[in-house]
Amino acid sequence: MSDSPTPTIGLWEFTSIPAGIECADAIIKGAPVATTLTGTTHPGKYVVLVIGDTASVEVAGDIVRDVVRPSLIDSVFLPDIATAVALALVEPQAPMGAREEAVGIVETATIAAGIDAADAAVKNAAVALTGLRIA
């Protein structure tokens, strides 16, 4: 990702696994996104994450709006996501070293809120993102 422009991400979180799968299927069939990651989280939620150029992720968002059911919990659209956050979403993180002076942990009610918080922290404070856990 470092040689290309900063990617855009879209993430949608559902209370219903079938609704999430239906949205993921519609996105894969109709949006020219570069990467699509999907999966279940606890307890019985489903997450759809797409990474690509802004126009492609906007198309995915339009598809979600057309397919969405009341089971959508939260979503996030970040057209200029911090590179560290984008990398943390698709690559495993290394364990923290002994050199960090302090550790901050942010727990959110939704995955979308957590990604939004990580992006804001990296962009607005002198911090390094050492991990992003989607659970």
N, C-alpha and C. Protein backbone atom coordinates (compact mmCIF):
# COMPACT_ATOMS: atom_id res chain seq x y z
N MET A 1 0.80 -1.20 0.00
CA MET A 1 0.00 0.00 0.00
C MET A 1 0.84 1.26 0.00
N SER A 2 2.09 1.17 0.32
CA SER A 2 2.89 2.37 0.47
C SER A 2 3.22 3.05 -0.84
N ASP A 3 3.22 2.34 -1.99
CA ASP A 3 3.54 2.94 -3.26
C ASP A 3 2.33 3.58 -3.93
N SER A 4 1.15 3.30 -3.46
CA SER A 4 -0.06 3.84 -4.07
C SER A 4 -0.63 4.93 -3.18
N PRO A 5 -1.60 5.68 -3.72
CA PRO A 5 -2.25 6.70 -2.89
C PRO A 5 -2.89 6.07 -1.66
N THR A 6 -3.13 6.89 -0.65
CA THR A 6 -3.76 6.39 0.57
C THR A 6 -5.09 5.75 0.21
N PRO A 7 -5.31 4.53 0.69
CA PRO A 7 -6.55 3.83 0.33
C PRO A 7 -7.76 4.40 1.06
N THR A 8 -8.91 4.05 0.57
CA THR A 8 -10.17 4.37 1.22
C THR A 8 -10.73 3.07 1.77
N ILE A 9 -11.34 3.12 2.95
CA ILE A 9 -11.99 1.93 3.48
C ILE A 9 -13.46 2.21 3.76
N GLY A 10 -14.22 1.15 3.65
CA GLY A 10 -15.61 1.16 4.07
C GLY A 10 -15.83 -0.08 4.90
N LEU A 11 -16.51 0.04 6.01
CA LEU A 11 -16.79 -1.10 6.87
C LEU A 11 -18.23 -1.01 7.33
N TRP A 12 -18.91 -2.16 7.26
CA TRP A 12 -20.29 -2.25 7.71
C TRP A 12 -20.39 -3.43 8.67
N GLU A 13 -21.06 -3.20 9.79
CA GLU A 13 -21.19 -4.23 10.83
C GLU A 13 -22.68 -4.53 11.03
N PHE A 14 -23.01 -5.82 11.03
CA PHE A 14 -24.40 -6.27 11.08
C PHE A 14 -24.65 -7.14 12.31
N THR A 15 -25.89 -7.10 12.83
CA THR A 15 -26.27 -8.01 13.90
C THR A 15 -26.67 -9.36 13.35
N SER A 16 -26.88 -9.44 12.04
CA SER A 16 -27.33 -10.67 11.39
C SER A 16 -26.26 -11.19 10.43
N ILE A 17 -25.83 -12.42 10.64
CA ILE A 17 -24.84 -13.02 9.75
C ILE A 17 -25.40 -13.17 8.33
N PRO A 18 -26.64 -13.67 8.14
CA PRO A 18 -27.17 -13.75 6.78
C PRO A 18 -27.24 -12.40 6.05
N ALA A 19 -27.65 -11.35 6.76
CA ALA A 19 -27.71 -10.02 6.14
C ALA A 19 -26.32 -9.54 5.74
N GLY A 20 -25.33 -9.81 6.59
CA GLY A 20 -23.96 -9.43 6.26
C GLY A 20 -23.44 -10.18 5.05
N ILE A 21 -23.73 -11.46 4.98
CA ILE A 21 -23.31 -12.26 3.82
C ILE A 21 -24.00 -11.76 2.56
N GLU A 22 -25.27 -11.42 2.66
CA GLU A 22 -26.00 -10.90 1.50
C GLU A 22 -25.36 -9.60 1.00
N CYS A 23 -24.99 -8.71 1.92
CA CYS A 23 -24.35 -7.45 1.52
C CYS A 23 -22.97 -7.72 0.92
N ALA A 24 -22.20 -8.60 1.53
CA ALA A 24 -20.87 -8.92 0.99
C ALA A 24 -20.99 -9.47 -0.42
N ASP A 25 -21.94 -10.35 -0.65
CA ASP A 25 -22.16 -10.93 -1.97
C ASP A 25 -22.50 -9.84 -2.99
N ALA A 26 -23.38 -8.92 -2.61
CA ALA A 26 -23.77 -7.84 -3.52
C ALA A 26 -22.58 -6.92 -3.82
N ILE A 27 -21.74 -6.65 -2.82
CA ILE A 27 -20.56 -5.80 -3.03
C ILE A 27 -19.59 -6.48 -3.98
N ILE A 28 -19.30 -7.75 -3.73
CA ILE A 28 -18.35 -8.47 -4.57
C ILE A 28 -18.83 -8.51 -6.02
N LYS A 29 -20.12 -8.65 -6.22
CA LYS A 29 -20.68 -8.71 -7.57
C LYS A 29 -20.78 -7.34 -8.24
N GLY A 30 -20.89 -6.26 -7.45
CA GLY A 30 -21.19 -4.98 -8.06
C GLY A 30 -20.23 -3.84 -7.85
N ALA A 31 -19.23 -4.00 -7.01
CA ALA A 31 -18.31 -2.89 -6.75
C ALA A 31 -16.88 -3.28 -7.12
N PRO A 32 -16.18 -2.41 -7.79
CA PRO A 32 -14.80 -2.72 -8.18
C PRO A 32 -13.78 -2.43 -7.07
N VAL A 33 -14.01 -2.99 -5.89
CA VAL A 33 -13.10 -2.75 -4.77
C VAL A 33 -11.89 -3.68 -4.86
N ALA A 34 -10.76 -3.20 -4.36
CA ALA A 34 -9.52 -3.96 -4.45
C ALA A 34 -9.49 -5.13 -3.48
N THR A 35 -9.98 -4.94 -2.27
CA THR A 35 -9.93 -5.96 -1.24
C THR A 35 -11.25 -6.02 -0.52
N THR A 36 -11.72 -7.21 -0.29
CA THR A 36 -12.92 -7.40 0.52
C THR A 36 -12.60 -8.42 1.59
N LEU A 37 -12.76 -8.04 2.85
CA LEU A 37 -12.57 -8.94 3.98
C LEU A 37 -13.91 -9.06 4.68
N THR A 38 -14.31 -10.27 4.97
CA THR A 38 -15.58 -10.48 5.65
C THR A 38 -15.39 -11.50 6.76
N GLY A 39 -16.32 -11.50 7.70
CA GLY A 39 -16.27 -12.53 8.72
C GLY A 39 -17.18 -12.24 9.88
N THR A 40 -17.27 -13.24 10.73
CA THR A 40 -18.10 -13.13 11.91
C THR A 40 -17.28 -12.60 13.07
N THR A 41 -17.97 -11.94 13.97
CA THR A 41 -17.37 -11.50 15.22
C THR A 41 -18.34 -11.90 16.33
N HIS A 42 -17.88 -11.79 17.54
CA HIS A 42 -18.68 -12.21 18.68
C HIS A 42 -19.58 -11.07 19.11
N PRO A 43 -20.76 -11.26 19.50
CA PRO A 43 -21.57 -12.47 19.48
C PRO A 43 -22.50 -12.48 18.27
N GLY A 44 -22.21 -13.27 17.30
CA GLY A 44 -23.06 -13.46 16.14
C GLY A 44 -23.20 -12.28 15.21
N LYS A 45 -22.19 -11.42 15.17
CA LYS A 45 -22.21 -10.27 14.28
C LYS A 45 -21.43 -10.62 13.01
N TYR A 46 -21.62 -9.82 11.97
CA TYR A 46 -20.91 -10.02 10.71
C TYR A 46 -20.36 -8.69 10.24
N VAL A 47 -19.12 -8.71 9.74
CA VAL A 47 -18.44 -7.50 9.31
C VAL A 47 -18.04 -7.64 7.84
N VAL A 48 -18.25 -6.57 7.09
CA VAL A 48 -17.80 -6.48 5.71
C VAL A 48 -16.88 -5.27 5.62
N LEU A 49 -15.64 -5.48 5.18
CA LEU A 49 -14.64 -4.43 5.05
C LEU A 49 -14.16 -4.41 3.62
N VAL A 50 -14.14 -3.23 2.99
CA VAL A 50 -13.59 -3.10 1.65
C VAL A 50 -12.51 -2.03 1.66
N ILE A 51 -11.50 -2.25 0.85
CA ILE A 51 -10.39 -1.31 0.71
C ILE A 51 -10.20 -1.08 -0.78
N GLY A 52 -10.09 0.16 -1.17
CA GLY A 52 -9.88 0.48 -2.57
C GLY A 52 -9.80 1.97 -2.78
N ASP A 53 -9.98 2.38 -4.02
CA ASP A 53 -9.99 3.82 -4.28
C ASP A 53 -11.35 4.37 -3.82
N THR A 54 -11.41 5.67 -3.64
CA THR A 54 -12.60 6.30 -3.06
C THR A 54 -13.86 6.00 -3.86
N ALA A 55 -13.79 6.13 -5.18
CA ALA A 55 -14.99 5.90 -6.01
C ALA A 55 -15.51 4.47 -5.86
N SER A 56 -14.61 3.49 -5.81
CA SER A 56 -15.02 2.10 -5.69
C SER A 56 -15.68 1.82 -4.34
N VAL A 57 -15.13 2.39 -3.27
CA VAL A 57 -15.71 2.20 -1.94
C VAL A 57 -17.05 2.92 -1.84
N GLU A 58 -17.19 4.07 -2.51
CA GLU A 58 -18.49 4.74 -2.55
C GLU A 58 -19.53 3.87 -3.24
N VAL A 59 -19.14 3.18 -4.32
CA VAL A 59 -20.06 2.26 -5.00
C VAL A 59 -20.48 1.16 -4.03
N ALA A 60 -19.53 0.61 -3.27
CA ALA A 60 -19.86 -0.42 -2.28
C ALA A 60 -20.86 0.13 -1.25
N GLY A 61 -20.66 1.36 -0.81
CA GLY A 61 -21.58 1.98 0.14
C GLY A 61 -22.97 2.14 -0.44
N ASP A 62 -23.05 2.51 -1.72
CA ASP A 62 -24.36 2.61 -2.38
C ASP A 62 -25.04 1.24 -2.41
N ILE A 63 -24.28 0.20 -2.68
CA ILE A 63 -24.83 -1.16 -2.71
C ILE A 63 -25.36 -1.54 -1.34
N VAL A 64 -24.60 -1.24 -0.29
CA VAL A 64 -25.06 -1.56 1.07
C VAL A 64 -26.37 -0.84 1.36
N ARG A 65 -26.48 0.42 0.98
CA ARG A 65 -27.72 1.17 1.22
C ARG A 65 -28.90 0.53 0.48
N ASP A 66 -28.64 -0.04 -0.68
CA ASP A 66 -29.72 -0.69 -1.44
C ASP A 66 -30.12 -2.04 -0.84
N VAL A 67 -29.17 -2.75 -0.23
CA VAL A 67 -29.40 -4.11 0.26
C VAL A 67 -29.71 -4.14 1.76
N VAL A 68 -29.27 -3.12 2.47
CA VAL A 68 -29.26 -3.12 3.94
C VAL A 68 -30.62 -3.43 4.54
N ARG A 69 -30.55 -4.10 5.65
CA ARG A 69 -31.72 -4.44 6.46
C ARG A 69 -31.57 -3.71 7.81
N PRO A 70 -32.55 -3.81 8.66
CA PRO A 70 -32.43 -3.17 9.98
C PRO A 70 -31.27 -3.71 10.82
N SER A 71 -30.60 -4.73 10.33
CA SER A 71 -29.53 -5.34 11.12
C SER A 71 -28.21 -4.58 11.05
N LEU A 72 -28.12 -3.50 10.30
CA LEU A 72 -26.88 -2.72 10.26
C LEU A 72 -26.68 -2.02 11.59
N ILE A 73 -25.55 -2.31 12.25
CA ILE A 73 -25.25 -1.71 13.55
C ILE A 73 -24.53 -0.38 13.38
N ASP A 74 -23.47 -0.41 12.56
CA ASP A 74 -22.60 0.76 12.43
C ASP A 74 -21.83 0.64 11.13
N SER A 75 -21.29 1.77 10.70
CA SER A 75 -20.45 1.76 9.50
C SER A 75 -19.45 2.89 9.60
N VAL A 76 -18.41 2.78 8.80
CA VAL A 76 -17.41 3.84 8.72
C VAL A 76 -16.93 3.92 7.28
N PHE A 77 -16.75 5.15 6.80
CA PHE A 77 -16.20 5.43 5.48
C PHE A 77 -15.05 6.40 5.69
N LEU A 78 -13.83 5.96 5.38
CA LEU A 78 -12.65 6.80 5.58
C LEU A 78 -11.90 6.95 4.26
N PRO A 79 -12.12 8.08 3.55
CA PRO A 79 -11.49 8.26 2.25
C PRO A 79 -10.01 8.60 2.33
N ASP A 80 -9.50 8.91 3.49
CA ASP A 80 -8.08 9.23 3.64
C ASP A 80 -7.56 8.57 4.91
N ILE A 81 -7.73 7.25 4.99
CA ILE A 81 -7.35 6.52 6.19
C ILE A 81 -5.84 6.60 6.41
N ALA A 82 -5.44 6.71 7.66
CA ALA A 82 -4.02 6.70 7.99
C ALA A 82 -3.41 5.38 7.54
N THR A 83 -2.25 5.44 6.94
CA THR A 83 -1.60 4.24 6.41
C THR A 83 -1.41 3.18 7.49
N ALA A 84 -1.05 3.59 8.70
CA ALA A 84 -0.84 2.63 9.79
C ALA A 84 -2.12 1.86 10.11
N VAL A 85 -3.25 2.52 10.03
CA VAL A 85 -4.53 1.87 10.31
C VAL A 85 -4.89 0.91 9.18
N ALA A 86 -4.70 1.35 7.95
CA ALA A 86 -4.98 0.48 6.80
C ALA A 86 -4.12 -0.78 6.85
N LEU A 87 -2.85 -0.62 7.17
CA LEU A 87 -1.97 -1.78 7.26
C LEU A 87 -2.37 -2.70 8.40
N ALA A 88 -2.78 -2.13 9.53
CA ALA A 88 -3.18 -2.94 10.68
C ALA A 88 -4.43 -3.76 10.38
N LEU A 89 -5.24 -3.31 9.45
CA LEU A 89 -6.45 -4.04 9.09
C LEU A 89 -6.16 -5.29 8.26
N VAL A 90 -5.06 -5.27 7.51
CA VAL A 90 -4.81 -6.37 6.58
C VAL A 90 -3.54 -7.16 6.87
N GLU A 91 -2.71 -6.69 7.78
CA GLU A 91 -1.47 -7.39 8.11
C GLU A 91 -1.41 -7.67 9.61
N PRO A 92 -0.86 -8.82 10.00
CA PRO A 92 -0.71 -9.10 11.43
C PRO A 92 0.24 -8.09 12.08
N GLN A 93 -0.06 -7.74 13.31
CA GLN A 93 0.78 -6.79 14.03
C GLN A 93 1.87 -7.52 14.82
N ALA A 94 3.01 -6.87 14.89
CA ALA A 94 4.10 -7.40 15.70
C ALA A 94 3.80 -7.12 17.17
N PRO A 95 4.30 -7.97 18.07
CA PRO A 95 4.09 -7.70 19.49
C PRO A 95 4.80 -6.41 19.90
N MET A 96 4.26 -5.79 20.91
CA MET A 96 4.87 -4.55 21.39
C MET A 96 6.24 -4.83 21.97
N GLY A 97 7.14 -3.89 21.76
CA GLY A 97 8.48 -3.99 22.32
C GLY A 97 8.54 -3.34 23.68
N ALA A 98 9.68 -3.41 24.30
CA ALA A 98 9.87 -2.86 25.64
C ALA A 98 10.15 -1.36 25.60
N ARG A 99 10.23 -0.75 24.43
CA ARG A 99 10.62 0.65 24.31
C ARG A 99 9.46 1.63 24.49
N GLU A 100 8.22 1.17 24.42
CA GLU A 100 7.10 2.08 24.55
C GLU A 100 7.05 2.64 25.97
N GLU A 101 6.78 3.94 26.07
CA GLU A 101 6.69 4.58 27.37
C GLU A 101 5.34 4.35 28.02
N ALA A 102 4.31 4.29 27.22
CA ALA A 102 2.96 4.12 27.74
C ALA A 102 2.12 3.40 26.71
N VAL A 103 1.06 2.81 27.18
CA VAL A 103 0.14 2.09 26.30
C VAL A 103 -1.26 2.62 26.55
N GLY A 104 -1.95 2.90 25.47
CA GLY A 104 -3.34 3.31 25.57
C GLY A 104 -4.19 2.26 24.88
N ILE A 105 -5.30 1.92 25.49
CA ILE A 105 -6.22 0.95 24.92
C ILE A 105 -7.57 1.63 24.78
N VAL A 106 -8.15 1.50 23.59
CA VAL A 106 -9.47 2.06 23.34
C VAL A 106 -10.41 0.91 23.04
N GLU A 107 -11.46 0.80 23.82
CA GLU A 107 -12.47 -0.22 23.58
C GLU A 107 -13.74 0.47 23.13
N THR A 108 -14.32 -0.02 22.04
CA THR A 108 -15.52 0.61 21.50
C THR A 108 -16.64 -0.42 21.40
N ALA A 109 -17.84 0.06 21.27
CA ALA A 109 -19.00 -0.83 21.17
C ALA A 109 -19.10 -1.48 19.79
N THR A 110 -18.54 -0.82 18.77
CA THR A 110 -18.58 -1.38 17.43
C THR A 110 -17.19 -1.34 16.80
N ILE A 111 -16.98 -2.19 15.81
CA ILE A 111 -15.71 -2.22 15.10
C ILE A 111 -15.52 -0.93 14.31
N ALA A 112 -16.57 -0.44 13.69
CA ALA A 112 -16.48 0.81 12.91
C ALA A 112 -15.99 1.95 13.79
N ALA A 113 -16.51 2.05 15.00
CA ALA A 113 -16.08 3.11 15.93
C ALA A 113 -14.62 2.94 16.32
N GLY A 114 -14.17 1.71 16.47
CA GLY A 114 -12.77 1.44 16.81
C GLY A 114 -11.82 1.86 15.69
N ILE A 115 -12.19 1.56 14.47
CA ILE A 115 -11.35 1.96 13.33
C ILE A 115 -11.33 3.48 13.20
N ASP A 116 -12.47 4.10 13.37
CA ASP A 116 -12.55 5.57 13.32
C ASP A 116 -11.68 6.18 14.42
N ALA A 117 -11.72 5.61 15.61
CA ALA A 117 -10.91 6.12 16.73
C ALA A 117 -9.42 5.94 16.47
N ALA A 118 -9.03 4.78 15.93
CA ALA A 118 -7.61 4.54 15.62
C ALA A 118 -7.12 5.53 14.57
N ASP A 119 -7.93 5.76 13.55
CA ASP A 119 -7.55 6.70 12.50
C ASP A 119 -7.38 8.11 13.06
N ALA A 120 -8.33 8.54 13.89
CA ALA A 120 -8.25 9.88 14.50
C ALA A 120 -7.03 10.00 15.41
N ALA A 121 -6.75 8.97 16.19
CA ALA A 121 -5.60 9.02 17.11
C ALA A 121 -4.29 9.14 16.35
N VAL A 122 -4.12 8.33 15.32
CA VAL A 122 -2.86 8.34 14.55
C VAL A 122 -2.68 9.68 13.84
N LYS A 123 -3.78 10.26 13.36
CA LYS A 123 -3.70 11.53 12.63
C LYS A 123 -3.53 12.75 13.53
N ASN A 124 -4.02 12.66 14.78
CA ASN A 124 -4.09 13.86 15.61
C ASN A 124 -3.23 13.86 16.86
N ALA A 125 -2.52 12.78 17.12
CA ALA A 125 -1.69 12.72 18.33
C ALA A 125 -0.35 12.07 17.98
N ALA A 126 0.61 12.32 18.80
CA ALA A 126 1.95 11.73 18.61
C ALA A 126 1.95 10.32 19.18
N VAL A 127 1.26 9.41 18.48
CA VAL A 127 1.16 8.03 18.93
C VAL A 127 1.48 7.10 17.76
N ALA A 128 1.83 5.89 18.10
CA ALA A 128 2.05 4.84 17.10
C ALA A 128 1.01 3.75 17.34
N LEU A 129 0.43 3.28 16.28
CA LEU A 129 -0.55 2.20 16.37
C LEU A 129 0.21 0.88 16.42
N THR A 130 0.10 0.20 17.55
CA THR A 130 0.82 -1.08 17.69
C THR A 130 -0.08 -2.28 17.49
N GLY A 131 -1.37 -2.05 17.43
CA GLY A 131 -2.28 -3.16 17.21
C GLY A 131 -3.69 -2.67 17.01
N LEU A 132 -4.43 -3.45 16.25
CA LEU A 132 -5.84 -3.18 16.03
C LEU A 132 -6.53 -4.54 16.02
N ARG A 133 -7.31 -4.81 17.03
CA ARG A 133 -7.96 -6.11 17.16
C ARG A 133 -9.43 -5.99 16.80
N ILE A 134 -9.82 -6.75 15.80
CA ILE A 134 -11.22 -6.80 15.42
C ILE A 134 -11.78 -8.08 16.01
N ALA A 135 -12.63 -7.91 17.01
CA ALA A 135 -13.14 -9.09 17.72
C ALA A 135 -14.63 -9.00 17.91
